[in-house]
Amino acid sequence: MIGGIDPRAGAGLLRDVLTAVALGARPIAVGTAWTEQGAGVHSVEARRSDSLSDSIRYAVSSGPASVKIGMVPDAAAAAAILAGLSSYKGPIVIDPVLASSRGGALFTGSPAELFSLLRRATLVTPNAGEAAILAGVAVRDLDDAEAAARALADRGLAAVLVKGGHLGEAPAPVTDTLLLDGAVHRLSHARVPGGDVRGTGCALATAIAVHLGRGAGARAAVDSATIWLGRARAAAVDVGGERHLGVS
């Protein structure tokens, strides 16, 4: 697991660790940055790029079954992650976290500076807003989500899952758009009531990575991770004024 540290553990690397453990995996965690987050992002302290690449090299030397990448604070960190993963051959899932769900930028560079890293991924999992920024097109509905996914594939991404949680409203189901091997799959699932829950994107990408590491295909990994996330959302709890995923 590679990502930024939110000390409240609602999102980011600590959420990834909690998710992996809930799914019976044994995670190795590498931090890219320390953050302070409340109503917005108060500060982001990026890790030194040479230290980051060394930590990733050490982590992957133990042969992890999969890698999940979350927050990348800047272009230097993206390059360091690529360097650290140079010998790694397993599946990689990237959740391109550009901003906190509570407001404030988490990636300080141009979206174009992420593409070398995104092309390294087995699957990239942007939400609608992130897909719009990365693809350079508006994403307001499912047709837009498909267009964005295809635009990202045209830029060299192997597979893209555009999450549909921000498209449509209750009681309509959530429909995610998966572009895999040139084909588009629209994956609908029930919208869980109860308001916003932090860290859902982090958790979904981590759960997908866990299932890929166990040998599942991309479609099956997405389906299994989505089912797990629905249960975790339904069990959400209040923690310090935030809604966090529960135990599923």
C-alpha atoms as a PDB file:
ATOM      1  CA  MET A   1       0.000   0.000   0.000  1.00  0.00           C
ATOM      2  CA  ILE A   2       1.462   3.368  -1.053  1.00  0.00           C
ATOM      3  CA  GLY A   3      -0.275   6.609  -0.113  1.00  0.00           C
ATOM      4  CA  GLY A   4      -0.659   9.666   2.066  1.00  0.00           C
ATOM      5  CA  ILE A   5      -1.328   9.533   5.786  1.00  0.00           C
ATOM      6  CA  ASP A   6      -4.576  11.030   7.117  1.00  0.00           C
ATOM      7  CA  PRO A   7      -4.116  10.869  10.909  1.00  0.00           C
ATOM      8  CA  ARG A   8      -7.854  10.307  11.461  1.00  0.00           C
ATOM      9  CA  ALA A   9      -7.663   7.090   9.397  1.00  0.00           C
ATOM     10  CA  GLY A  10     -10.895   7.845   7.568  1.00  0.00           C
ATOM     11  CA  ALA A  11      -9.079   7.862   4.248  1.00  0.00           C
ATOM     12  CA  GLY A  12      -5.611   7.427   2.816  1.00  0.00           C
ATOM     13  CA  LEU A  13      -2.944   4.909   3.760  1.00  0.00           C
ATOM     14  CA  LEU A  14      -4.365   4.064   7.180  1.00  0.00           C
ATOM     15  CA  ARG A  15      -7.760   3.350   5.579  1.00  0.00           C
ATOM     16  CA  ASP A  16      -5.984   1.119   3.067  1.00  0.00           C
ATOM     17  CA  VAL A  17      -4.357  -0.861   5.864  1.00  0.00           C
ATOM     18  CA  LEU A  18      -7.679  -1.270   7.688  1.00  0.00           C
ATOM     19  CA  THR A  19      -9.331  -2.451   4.469  1.00  0.00           C
ATOM     20  CA  ALA A  20      -6.611  -4.956   3.637  1.00  0.00           C
ATOM     21  CA  VAL A  21      -6.701  -6.385   7.153  1.00  0.00           C
ATOM     22  CA  ALA A  22     -10.518  -6.644   7.024  1.00  0.00           C
ATOM     23  CA  LEU A  23     -10.121  -8.732   3.878  1.00  0.00           C
ATOM     24  CA  GLY A  24      -7.574 -11.039   5.489  1.00  0.00           C
ATOM     25  CA  ALA A  25      -4.507  -9.574   3.758  1.00  0.00           C
ATOM     26  CA  ARG A  26      -1.220  -8.626   5.422  1.00  0.00           C
ATOM     27  CA  PRO A  27      -0.343  -5.154   4.122  1.00  0.00           C
ATOM     28  CA  ILE A  28       3.013  -3.432   3.847  1.00  0.00           C
ATOM     29  CA  ALA A  29       2.557   0.360   4.092  1.00  0.00           C
ATOM     30  CA  VAL A  30       4.720   3.037   2.470  1.00  0.00           C
ATOM     31  CA  GLY A  31       3.803   6.670   3.122  1.00  0.00           C
ATOM     32  CA  THR A  32       4.124   9.340   0.439  1.00  0.00           C
ATOM     33  CA  ALA A  33       3.176  12.323   2.615  1.00  0.00           C
ATOM     34  CA  TRP A  34       1.834  13.399   5.975  1.00  0.00           C
ATOM     35  CA  THR A  35      -1.376  15.433   5.882  1.00  0.00           C
ATOM     36  CA  GLU A  36      -3.459  17.418   8.341  1.00  0.00           C
ATOM     37  CA  GLN A  37      -7.126  17.381   7.352  1.00  0.00           C
ATOM     38  CA  GLY A  38     -10.259  18.786   8.939  1.00  0.00           C
ATOM     39  CA  ALA A  39     -12.896  20.795   7.108  1.00  0.00           C
ATOM     40  CA  GLY A  40     -10.248  20.955   4.380  1.00  0.00           C
ATOM     41  CA  VAL A  41      -6.610  20.074   3.867  1.00  0.00           C
ATOM     42  CA  HIS A  42      -4.586  22.134   6.309  1.00  0.00           C
ATOM     43  CA  SER A  43      -1.166  20.951   5.197  1.00  0.00           C
ATOM     44  CA  VAL A  44       0.631  18.366   3.091  1.00  0.00           C
ATOM     45  CA  GLU A  45       4.220  17.437   3.890  1.00  0.00           C
ATOM     46  CA  ALA A  46       5.630  15.353   1.059  1.00  0.00           C
ATOM     47  CA  ARG A  47       8.253  12.737   1.803  1.00  0.00           C
ATOM     48  CA  ARG A  48      11.687  13.107   0.247  1.00  0.00           C
ATOM     49  CA  SER A  49      11.626  11.429  -3.144  1.00  0.00           C
ATOM     50  CA  ASP A  50      14.863   9.461  -2.636  1.00  0.00           C
ATOM     51  CA  SER A  51      13.586   8.084   0.660  1.00  0.00           C
ATOM     52  CA  LEU A  52      10.254   7.209  -0.940  1.00  0.00           C
ATOM     53  CA  SER A  53      11.781   5.257  -3.820  1.00  0.00           C
ATOM     54  CA  ASP A  54      14.104   3.382  -1.438  1.00  0.00           C
ATOM     55  CA  SER A  55      11.180   2.404   0.810  1.00  0.00           C
ATOM     56  CA  ILE A  56       9.173   1.113  -2.140  1.00  0.00           C
ATOM     57  CA  ARG A  57      12.113  -0.924  -3.433  1.00  0.00           C
ATOM     58  CA  TYR A  58      12.479  -2.491  -0.003  1.00  0.00           C
ATOM     59  CA  ALA A  59       8.734  -3.161   0.277  1.00  0.00           C
ATOM     60  CA  VAL A  60       8.419  -4.870  -3.111  1.00  0.00           C
ATOM     61  CA  SER A  61      11.558  -6.935  -2.536  1.00  0.00           C
ATOM     62  CA  SER A  62       9.426  -9.154  -0.288  1.00  0.00           C
ATOM     63  CA  GLY A  63       7.217 -10.023  -3.273  1.00  0.00           C
ATOM     64  CA  PRO A  64       3.773  -8.573  -2.453  1.00  0.00           C
ATOM     65  CA  ALA A  65       0.882 -10.110  -4.361  1.00  0.00           C
ATOM     66  CA  SER A  66      -0.363  -6.682  -5.497  1.00  0.00           C
ATOM     67  CA  VAL A  67       0.242  -2.969  -5.017  1.00  0.00           C
ATOM     68  CA  LYS A  68      -2.277  -0.200  -4.399  1.00  0.00           C
ATOM     69  CA  ILE A  69      -1.257   3.445  -4.871  1.00  0.00           C
ATOM     70  CA  GLY A  70      -3.277   6.325  -3.480  1.00  0.00           C
ATOM     71  CA  MET A  71      -2.212   9.901  -2.804  1.00  0.00           C
ATOM     72  CA  VAL A  72       0.786  11.137  -4.795  1.00  0.00           C
ATOM     73  CA  PRO A  73       1.688  14.636  -3.576  1.00  0.00           C
ATOM     74  CA  ASP A  74       3.686  15.906  -6.568  1.00  0.00           C
ATOM     75  CA  ALA A  75       5.548  15.007  -9.754  1.00  0.00           C
ATOM     76  CA  ALA A  76       8.721  14.151  -7.836  1.00  0.00           C
ATOM     77  CA  ALA A  77       6.802  11.571  -5.799  1.00  0.00           C
ATOM     78  CA  ALA A  78       5.275  10.096  -8.966  1.00  0.00           C
ATOM     79  CA  ALA A  79       8.746   9.639 -10.436  1.00  0.00           C
ATOM     80  CA  ALA A  80      10.008   8.146  -7.166  1.00  0.00           C
ATOM     81  CA  ILE A  81       7.163   5.624  -7.083  1.00  0.00           C
ATOM     82  CA  LEU A  82       7.905   4.589 -10.663  1.00  0.00           C
ATOM     83  CA  ALA A  83      11.563   4.126  -9.819  1.00  0.00           C
ATOM     84  CA  GLY A  84      10.744   2.126  -6.711  1.00  0.00           C
ATOM     85  CA  LEU A  85       8.452  -0.181  -8.675  1.00  0.00           C
ATOM     86  CA  SER A  86      10.903  -0.761 -11.524  1.00  0.00           C
ATOM     87  CA  SER A  87      11.438  -4.436 -10.627  1.00  0.00           C
ATOM     88  CA  TYR A  88       7.838  -5.205  -9.653  1.00  0.00           C
ATOM     89  CA  LYS A  89       5.842  -7.454 -11.992  1.00  0.00           C
ATOM     90  CA  GLY A  90       2.525  -7.907 -10.168  1.00  0.00           C
ATOM     91  CA  PRO A  91      -0.810  -6.084 -10.484  1.00  0.00           C
ATOM     92  CA  ILE A  92      -1.023  -2.402  -9.539  1.00  0.00           C
ATOM     93  CA  VAL A  93      -4.195  -0.451  -8.766  1.00  0.00           C
ATOM     94  CA  ILE A  94      -4.042   3.346  -8.663  1.00  0.00           C
ATOM     95  CA  ASP A  95      -6.696   5.556  -7.099  1.00  0.00           C
ATOM     96  CA  PRO A  96      -5.694   8.977  -8.516  1.00  0.00           C
ATOM     97  CA  VAL A  97      -6.485  11.119  -5.479  1.00  0.00           C
ATOM     98  CA  LEU A  98      -6.212  14.704  -6.701  1.00  0.00           C
ATOM     99  CA  ALA A  99      -8.079  16.359  -3.816  1.00  0.00           C
ATOM    100  CA  SER A 100      -9.577  15.480  -0.468  1.00  0.00           C
ATOM    101  CA  SER A 101     -13.298  14.744  -0.378  1.00  0.00           C
ATOM    102  CA  ARG A 102     -13.458  17.464   2.286  1.00  0.00           C
ATOM    103  CA  GLY A 103     -11.772  20.070   0.086  1.00  0.00           C
ATOM    104  CA  GLY A 104      -8.215  21.055  -0.773  1.00  0.00           C
ATOM    105  CA  ALA A 105      -5.644  19.799  -3.244  1.00  0.00           C
ATOM    106  CA  LEU A 106      -3.579  16.710  -2.487  1.00  0.00           C
ATOM    107  CA  PHE A 107      -1.644  16.631  -5.777  1.00  0.00           C
ATOM    108  CA  THR A 108       0.160  19.887  -6.509  1.00  0.00           C
ATOM    109  CA  GLY A 109       1.282  19.282 -10.067  1.00  0.00           C
ATOM    110  CA  SER A 110      -0.325  19.220 -13.487  1.00  0.00           C
ATOM    111  CA  PRO A 111      -2.493  16.151 -14.215  1.00  0.00           C
ATOM    112  CA  ALA A 112      -0.207  15.415 -17.168  1.00  0.00           C
ATOM    113  CA  GLU A 113       2.611  14.749 -14.696  1.00  0.00           C
ATOM    114  CA  LEU A 114       0.753  11.692 -13.388  1.00  0.00           C
ATOM    115  CA  PHE A 115       0.391   9.851 -16.673  1.00  0.00           C
ATOM    116  CA  SER A 116       3.724   8.036 -16.650  1.00  0.00           C
ATOM    117  CA  LEU A 117       2.686   6.479 -13.340  1.00  0.00           C
ATOM    118  CA  LEU A 118      -0.915   5.834 -14.412  1.00  0.00           C
ATOM    119  CA  ARG A 119       0.297   3.934 -17.480  1.00  0.00           C
ATOM    120  CA  ARG A 120       2.095   1.562 -15.121  1.00  0.00           C
ATOM    121  CA  ALA A 121      -1.185   0.484 -13.499  1.00  0.00           C
ATOM    122  CA  THR A 122      -3.227  -2.621 -14.129  1.00  0.00           C
ATOM    123  CA  LEU A 123      -6.329  -0.567 -13.260  1.00  0.00           C
ATOM    124  CA  VAL A 124      -6.930   3.122 -12.503  1.00  0.00           C
ATOM    125  CA  THR A 125     -10.025   4.032 -10.451  1.00  0.00           C
ATOM    126  CA  PRO A 126     -10.924   7.749 -10.724  1.00  0.00           C
ATOM    127  CA  ASN A 127     -14.218   9.184  -9.534  1.00  0.00           C
ATOM    128  CA  ALA A 128     -16.164  11.328 -11.998  1.00  0.00           C
ATOM    129  CA  GLY A 129     -14.371  14.537 -11.036  1.00  0.00           C
ATOM    130  CA  GLU A 130     -10.921  12.978 -11.252  1.00  0.00           C
ATOM    131  CA  ALA A 131     -11.751  11.346 -14.592  1.00  0.00           C
ATOM    132  CA  ALA A 132     -12.862  14.728 -15.927  1.00  0.00           C
ATOM    133  CA  ILE A 133      -9.619  16.409 -14.867  1.00  0.00           C
ATOM    134  CA  LEU A 134      -7.376  13.651 -16.180  1.00  0.00           C
ATOM    135  CA  ALA A 135      -9.238  13.192 -19.479  1.00  0.00           C
ATOM    136  CA  GLY A 136      -9.958  16.879 -20.031  1.00  0.00           C
ATOM    137  CA  VAL A 137     -13.688  16.328 -20.627  1.00  0.00           C
ATOM    138  CA  ALA A 138     -16.788  17.021 -18.556  1.00  0.00           C
ATOM    139  CA  VAL A 139     -18.208  13.956 -16.796  1.00  0.00           C
ATOM    140  CA  ARG A 140     -21.882  14.535 -15.983  1.00  0.00           C
ATOM    141  CA  ASP A 141     -23.480  11.228 -16.926  1.00  0.00           C
ATOM    142  CA  LEU A 142     -22.676   7.674 -17.959  1.00  0.00           C
ATOM    143  CA  ASP A 143     -22.009   8.558 -21.573  1.00  0.00           C
ATOM    144  CA  ASP A 144     -19.489  11.152 -20.396  1.00  0.00           C
ATOM    145  CA  ALA A 145     -17.919   8.574 -18.087  1.00  0.00           C
ATOM    146  CA  GLU A 146     -17.442   6.216 -21.029  1.00  0.00           C
ATOM    147  CA  ALA A 147     -15.953   9.009 -23.146  1.00  0.00           C
ATOM    148  CA  ALA A 148     -13.522   9.887 -20.351  1.00  0.00           C
ATOM    149  CA  ALA A 149     -12.505   6.259 -19.884  1.00  0.00           C
ATOM    150  CA  ARG A 150     -11.844   5.892 -23.608  1.00  0.00           C
ATOM    151  CA  ALA A 151      -9.863   9.143 -23.656  1.00  0.00           C
ATOM    152  CA  LEU A 152      -7.703   7.839 -20.826  1.00  0.00           C
ATOM    153  CA  ALA A 153      -7.218   4.539 -22.645  1.00  0.00           C
ATOM    154  CA  ASP A 154      -6.126   6.528 -25.694  1.00  0.00           C
ATOM    155  CA  ARG A 155      -3.436   8.071 -23.470  1.00  0.00           C
ATOM    156  CA  GLY A 156      -2.075   4.650 -22.594  1.00  0.00           C
ATOM    157  CA  LEU A 157      -3.993   3.484 -19.527  1.00  0.00           C
ATOM    158  CA  ALA A 158      -4.538  -0.278 -19.518  1.00  0.00           C
ATOM    159  CA  ALA A 159      -7.951  -0.302 -17.797  1.00  0.00           C
ATOM    160  CA  VAL A 160     -10.127   2.358 -16.163  1.00  0.00           C
ATOM    161  CA  LEU A 161     -12.957   2.214 -13.633  1.00  0.00           C
ATOM    162  CA  VAL A 162     -14.857   5.519 -13.491  1.00  0.00           C
ATOM    163  CA  LYS A 163     -16.758   5.396 -10.218  1.00  0.00           C
ATOM    164  CA  GLY A 164     -20.338   6.603 -10.491  1.00  0.00           C
ATOM    165  CA  GLY A 165     -21.118   7.618  -6.943  1.00  0.00           C
ATOM    166  CA  HIS A 166     -21.188  11.308  -7.883  1.00  0.00           C
ATOM    167  CA  LEU A 167     -23.388  10.682 -10.931  1.00  0.00           C
ATOM    168  CA  GLY A 168     -27.110  10.601 -10.209  1.00  0.00           C
ATOM    169  CA  GLU A 169     -28.929  10.794  -6.903  1.00  0.00           C
ATOM    170  CA  ALA A 170     -30.797   8.505  -4.524  1.00  0.00           C
ATOM    171  CA  PRO A 171     -32.781   6.348  -4.899  1.00  0.00           C
ATOM    172  CA  ALA A 172     -31.209   5.605  -8.296  1.00  0.00           C
ATOM    173  CA  PRO A 173     -28.487   2.940  -8.167  1.00  0.00           C
ATOM    174  CA  VAL A 174     -24.815   3.775  -8.566  1.00  0.00           C
ATOM    175  CA  THR A 175     -23.407   2.775 -11.943  1.00  0.00           C
ATOM    176  CA  ASP A 176     -19.651   2.479 -12.391  1.00  0.00           C
ATOM    177  CA  THR A 177     -18.066   2.421 -15.839  1.00  0.00           C
ATOM    178  CA  LEU A 178     -15.326  -0.159 -16.394  1.00  0.00           C
ATOM    179  CA  LEU A 179     -13.267  -0.027 -19.583  1.00  0.00           C
ATOM    180  CA  LEU A 180     -11.416  -3.319 -19.885  1.00  0.00           C
ATOM    181  CA  ASP A 181      -9.769  -4.810 -22.984  1.00  0.00           C
ATOM    182  CA  GLY A 182     -11.496  -2.204 -25.144  1.00  0.00           C
ATOM    183  CA  ALA A 183     -14.995  -3.104 -23.935  1.00  0.00           C
ATOM    184  CA  VAL A 184     -17.174  -0.979 -21.655  1.00  0.00           C
ATOM    185  CA  HIS A 185     -19.083  -2.570 -18.783  1.00  0.00           C
ATOM    186  CA  ARG A 186     -21.684  -0.609 -16.829  1.00  0.00           C
ATOM    187  CA  LEU A 187     -21.785  -2.047 -13.331  1.00  0.00           C
ATOM    188  CA  SER A 188     -24.823  -1.026 -11.292  1.00  0.00           C
ATOM    189  CA  HIS A 189     -25.295  -1.574  -7.578  1.00  0.00           C
ATOM    190  CA  ALA A 190     -27.592  -0.241  -4.900  1.00  0.00           C
ATOM    191  CA  ARG A 191     -26.859   3.197  -3.492  1.00  0.00           C
ATOM    192  CA  VAL A 192     -26.325   2.811   0.255  1.00  0.00           C
ATOM    193  CA  PRO A 193     -28.310   5.402   2.251  1.00  0.00           C
ATOM    194  CA  GLY A 194     -26.915   7.300   5.206  1.00  0.00           C
ATOM    195  CA  GLY A 195     -24.918  10.243   3.888  1.00  0.00           C
ATOM    196  CA  ASP A 196     -21.294  10.660   2.865  1.00  0.00           C
ATOM    197  CA  VAL A 197     -18.687   8.240   4.175  1.00  0.00           C
ATOM    198  CA  ARG A 198     -14.981   9.047   4.024  1.00  0.00           C
ATOM    199  CA  GLY A 199     -12.449   6.852   2.307  1.00  0.00           C
ATOM    200  CA  THR A 200     -14.733   4.859   0.035  1.00  0.00           C
ATOM    201  CA  GLY A 201     -12.534   5.372  -3.020  1.00  0.00           C
ATOM    202  CA  CYS A 202      -9.411   4.405  -1.087  1.00  0.00           C
ATOM    203  CA  ALA A 203     -11.097   1.304   0.269  1.00  0.00           C
ATOM    204  CA  LEU A 204     -12.506   0.187  -3.087  1.00  0.00           C
ATOM    205  CA  ALA A 205      -9.145   0.406  -4.839  1.00  0.00           C
ATOM    206  CA  THR A 206      -7.470  -1.459  -1.976  1.00  0.00           C
ATOM    207  CA  ALA A 207     -10.093  -4.205  -2.036  1.00  0.00           C
ATOM    208  CA  ILE A 208      -9.663  -4.568  -5.802  1.00  0.00           C
ATOM    209  CA  ALA A 209      -5.895  -4.872  -5.331  1.00  0.00           C
ATOM    210  CA  VAL A 210      -6.359  -7.562  -2.677  1.00  0.00           C
ATOM    211  CA  HIS A 211      -8.557  -9.624  -5.011  1.00  0.00           C
ATOM    212  CA  LEU A 212      -6.194  -9.157  -7.958  1.00  0.00           C
ATOM    213  CA  GLY A 213      -3.368 -10.338  -5.738  1.00  0.00           C
ATOM    214  CA  ARG A 214      -5.334 -13.510  -5.041  1.00  0.00           C
ATOM    215  CA  GLY A 215      -5.574 -14.257  -8.736  1.00  0.00           C
ATOM    216  CA  ALA A 216      -8.982 -12.821  -9.650  1.00  0.00           C
ATOM    217  CA  GLY A 217      -9.483 -11.222 -13.051  1.00  0.00           C
ATOM    218  CA  ALA A 218     -10.093  -7.487 -13.180  1.00  0.00           C
ATOM    219  CA  ARG A 219     -13.869  -7.747 -13.634  1.00  0.00           C
ATOM    220  CA  ALA A 220     -14.239 -10.294 -10.835  1.00  0.00           C
ATOM    221  CA  ALA A 221     -11.981  -8.237  -8.549  1.00  0.00           C
ATOM    222  CA  VAL A 222     -14.089  -5.114  -9.124  1.00  0.00           C
ATOM    223  CA  ASP A 223     -17.329  -7.033  -8.470  1.00  0.00           C
ATOM    224  CA  SER A 224     -16.041  -8.605  -5.242  1.00  0.00           C
ATOM    225  CA  ALA A 225     -14.605  -5.317  -3.980  1.00  0.00           C
ATOM    226  CA  THR A 226     -17.860  -3.478  -4.715  1.00  0.00           C
ATOM    227  CA  ILE A 227     -19.896  -6.018  -2.756  1.00  0.00           C
ATOM    228  CA  TRP A 228     -17.530  -5.733   0.213  1.00  0.00           C
ATOM    229  CA  LEU A 229     -17.627  -1.918   0.091  1.00  0.00           C
ATOM    230  CA  GLY A 230     -21.427  -1.916   0.105  1.00  0.00           C
ATOM    231  CA  ARG A 231     -21.412  -3.910   3.337  1.00  0.00           C
ATOM    232  CA  ALA A 232     -18.767  -1.670   4.891  1.00  0.00           C
ATOM    233  CA  ARG A 233     -20.747   1.451   3.964  1.00  0.00           C
ATOM    234  CA  ALA A 234     -23.924  -0.001   5.447  1.00  0.00           C
ATOM    235  CA  ALA A 235     -22.000  -0.541   8.713  1.00  0.00           C
ATOM    236  CA  ALA A 236     -20.514   3.006   8.761  1.00  0.00           C
ATOM    237  CA  VAL A 237     -19.902   4.634  12.133  1.00  0.00           C
ATOM    238  CA  ASP A 238     -19.403   8.201  13.375  1.00  0.00           C
ATOM    239  CA  VAL A 239     -15.807   8.958  14.358  1.00  0.00           C
ATOM    240  CA  GLY A 240     -14.943  12.465  15.533  1.00  0.00           C
ATOM    241  CA  GLY A 241     -17.608  14.118  13.419  1.00  0.00           C
ATOM    242  CA  GLU A 242     -16.881  12.004  10.338  1.00  0.00           C
ATOM    243  CA  ARG A 243     -18.556   8.929   8.888  1.00  0.00           C
ATOM    244  CA  HIS A 244     -16.050   6.086   8.560  1.00  0.00           C
ATOM    245  CA  LEU A 245     -16.500   2.677   6.979  1.00  0.00           C
ATOM    246  CA  GLY A 246     -17.523  -0.020   9.395  1.00  0.00           C
ATOM    247  CA  VAL A 247     -16.503  -3.637   9.750  1.00  0.00           C
ATOM    248  CA  SER A 248     -18.104  -5.775   7.052  1.00  0.00           C
END
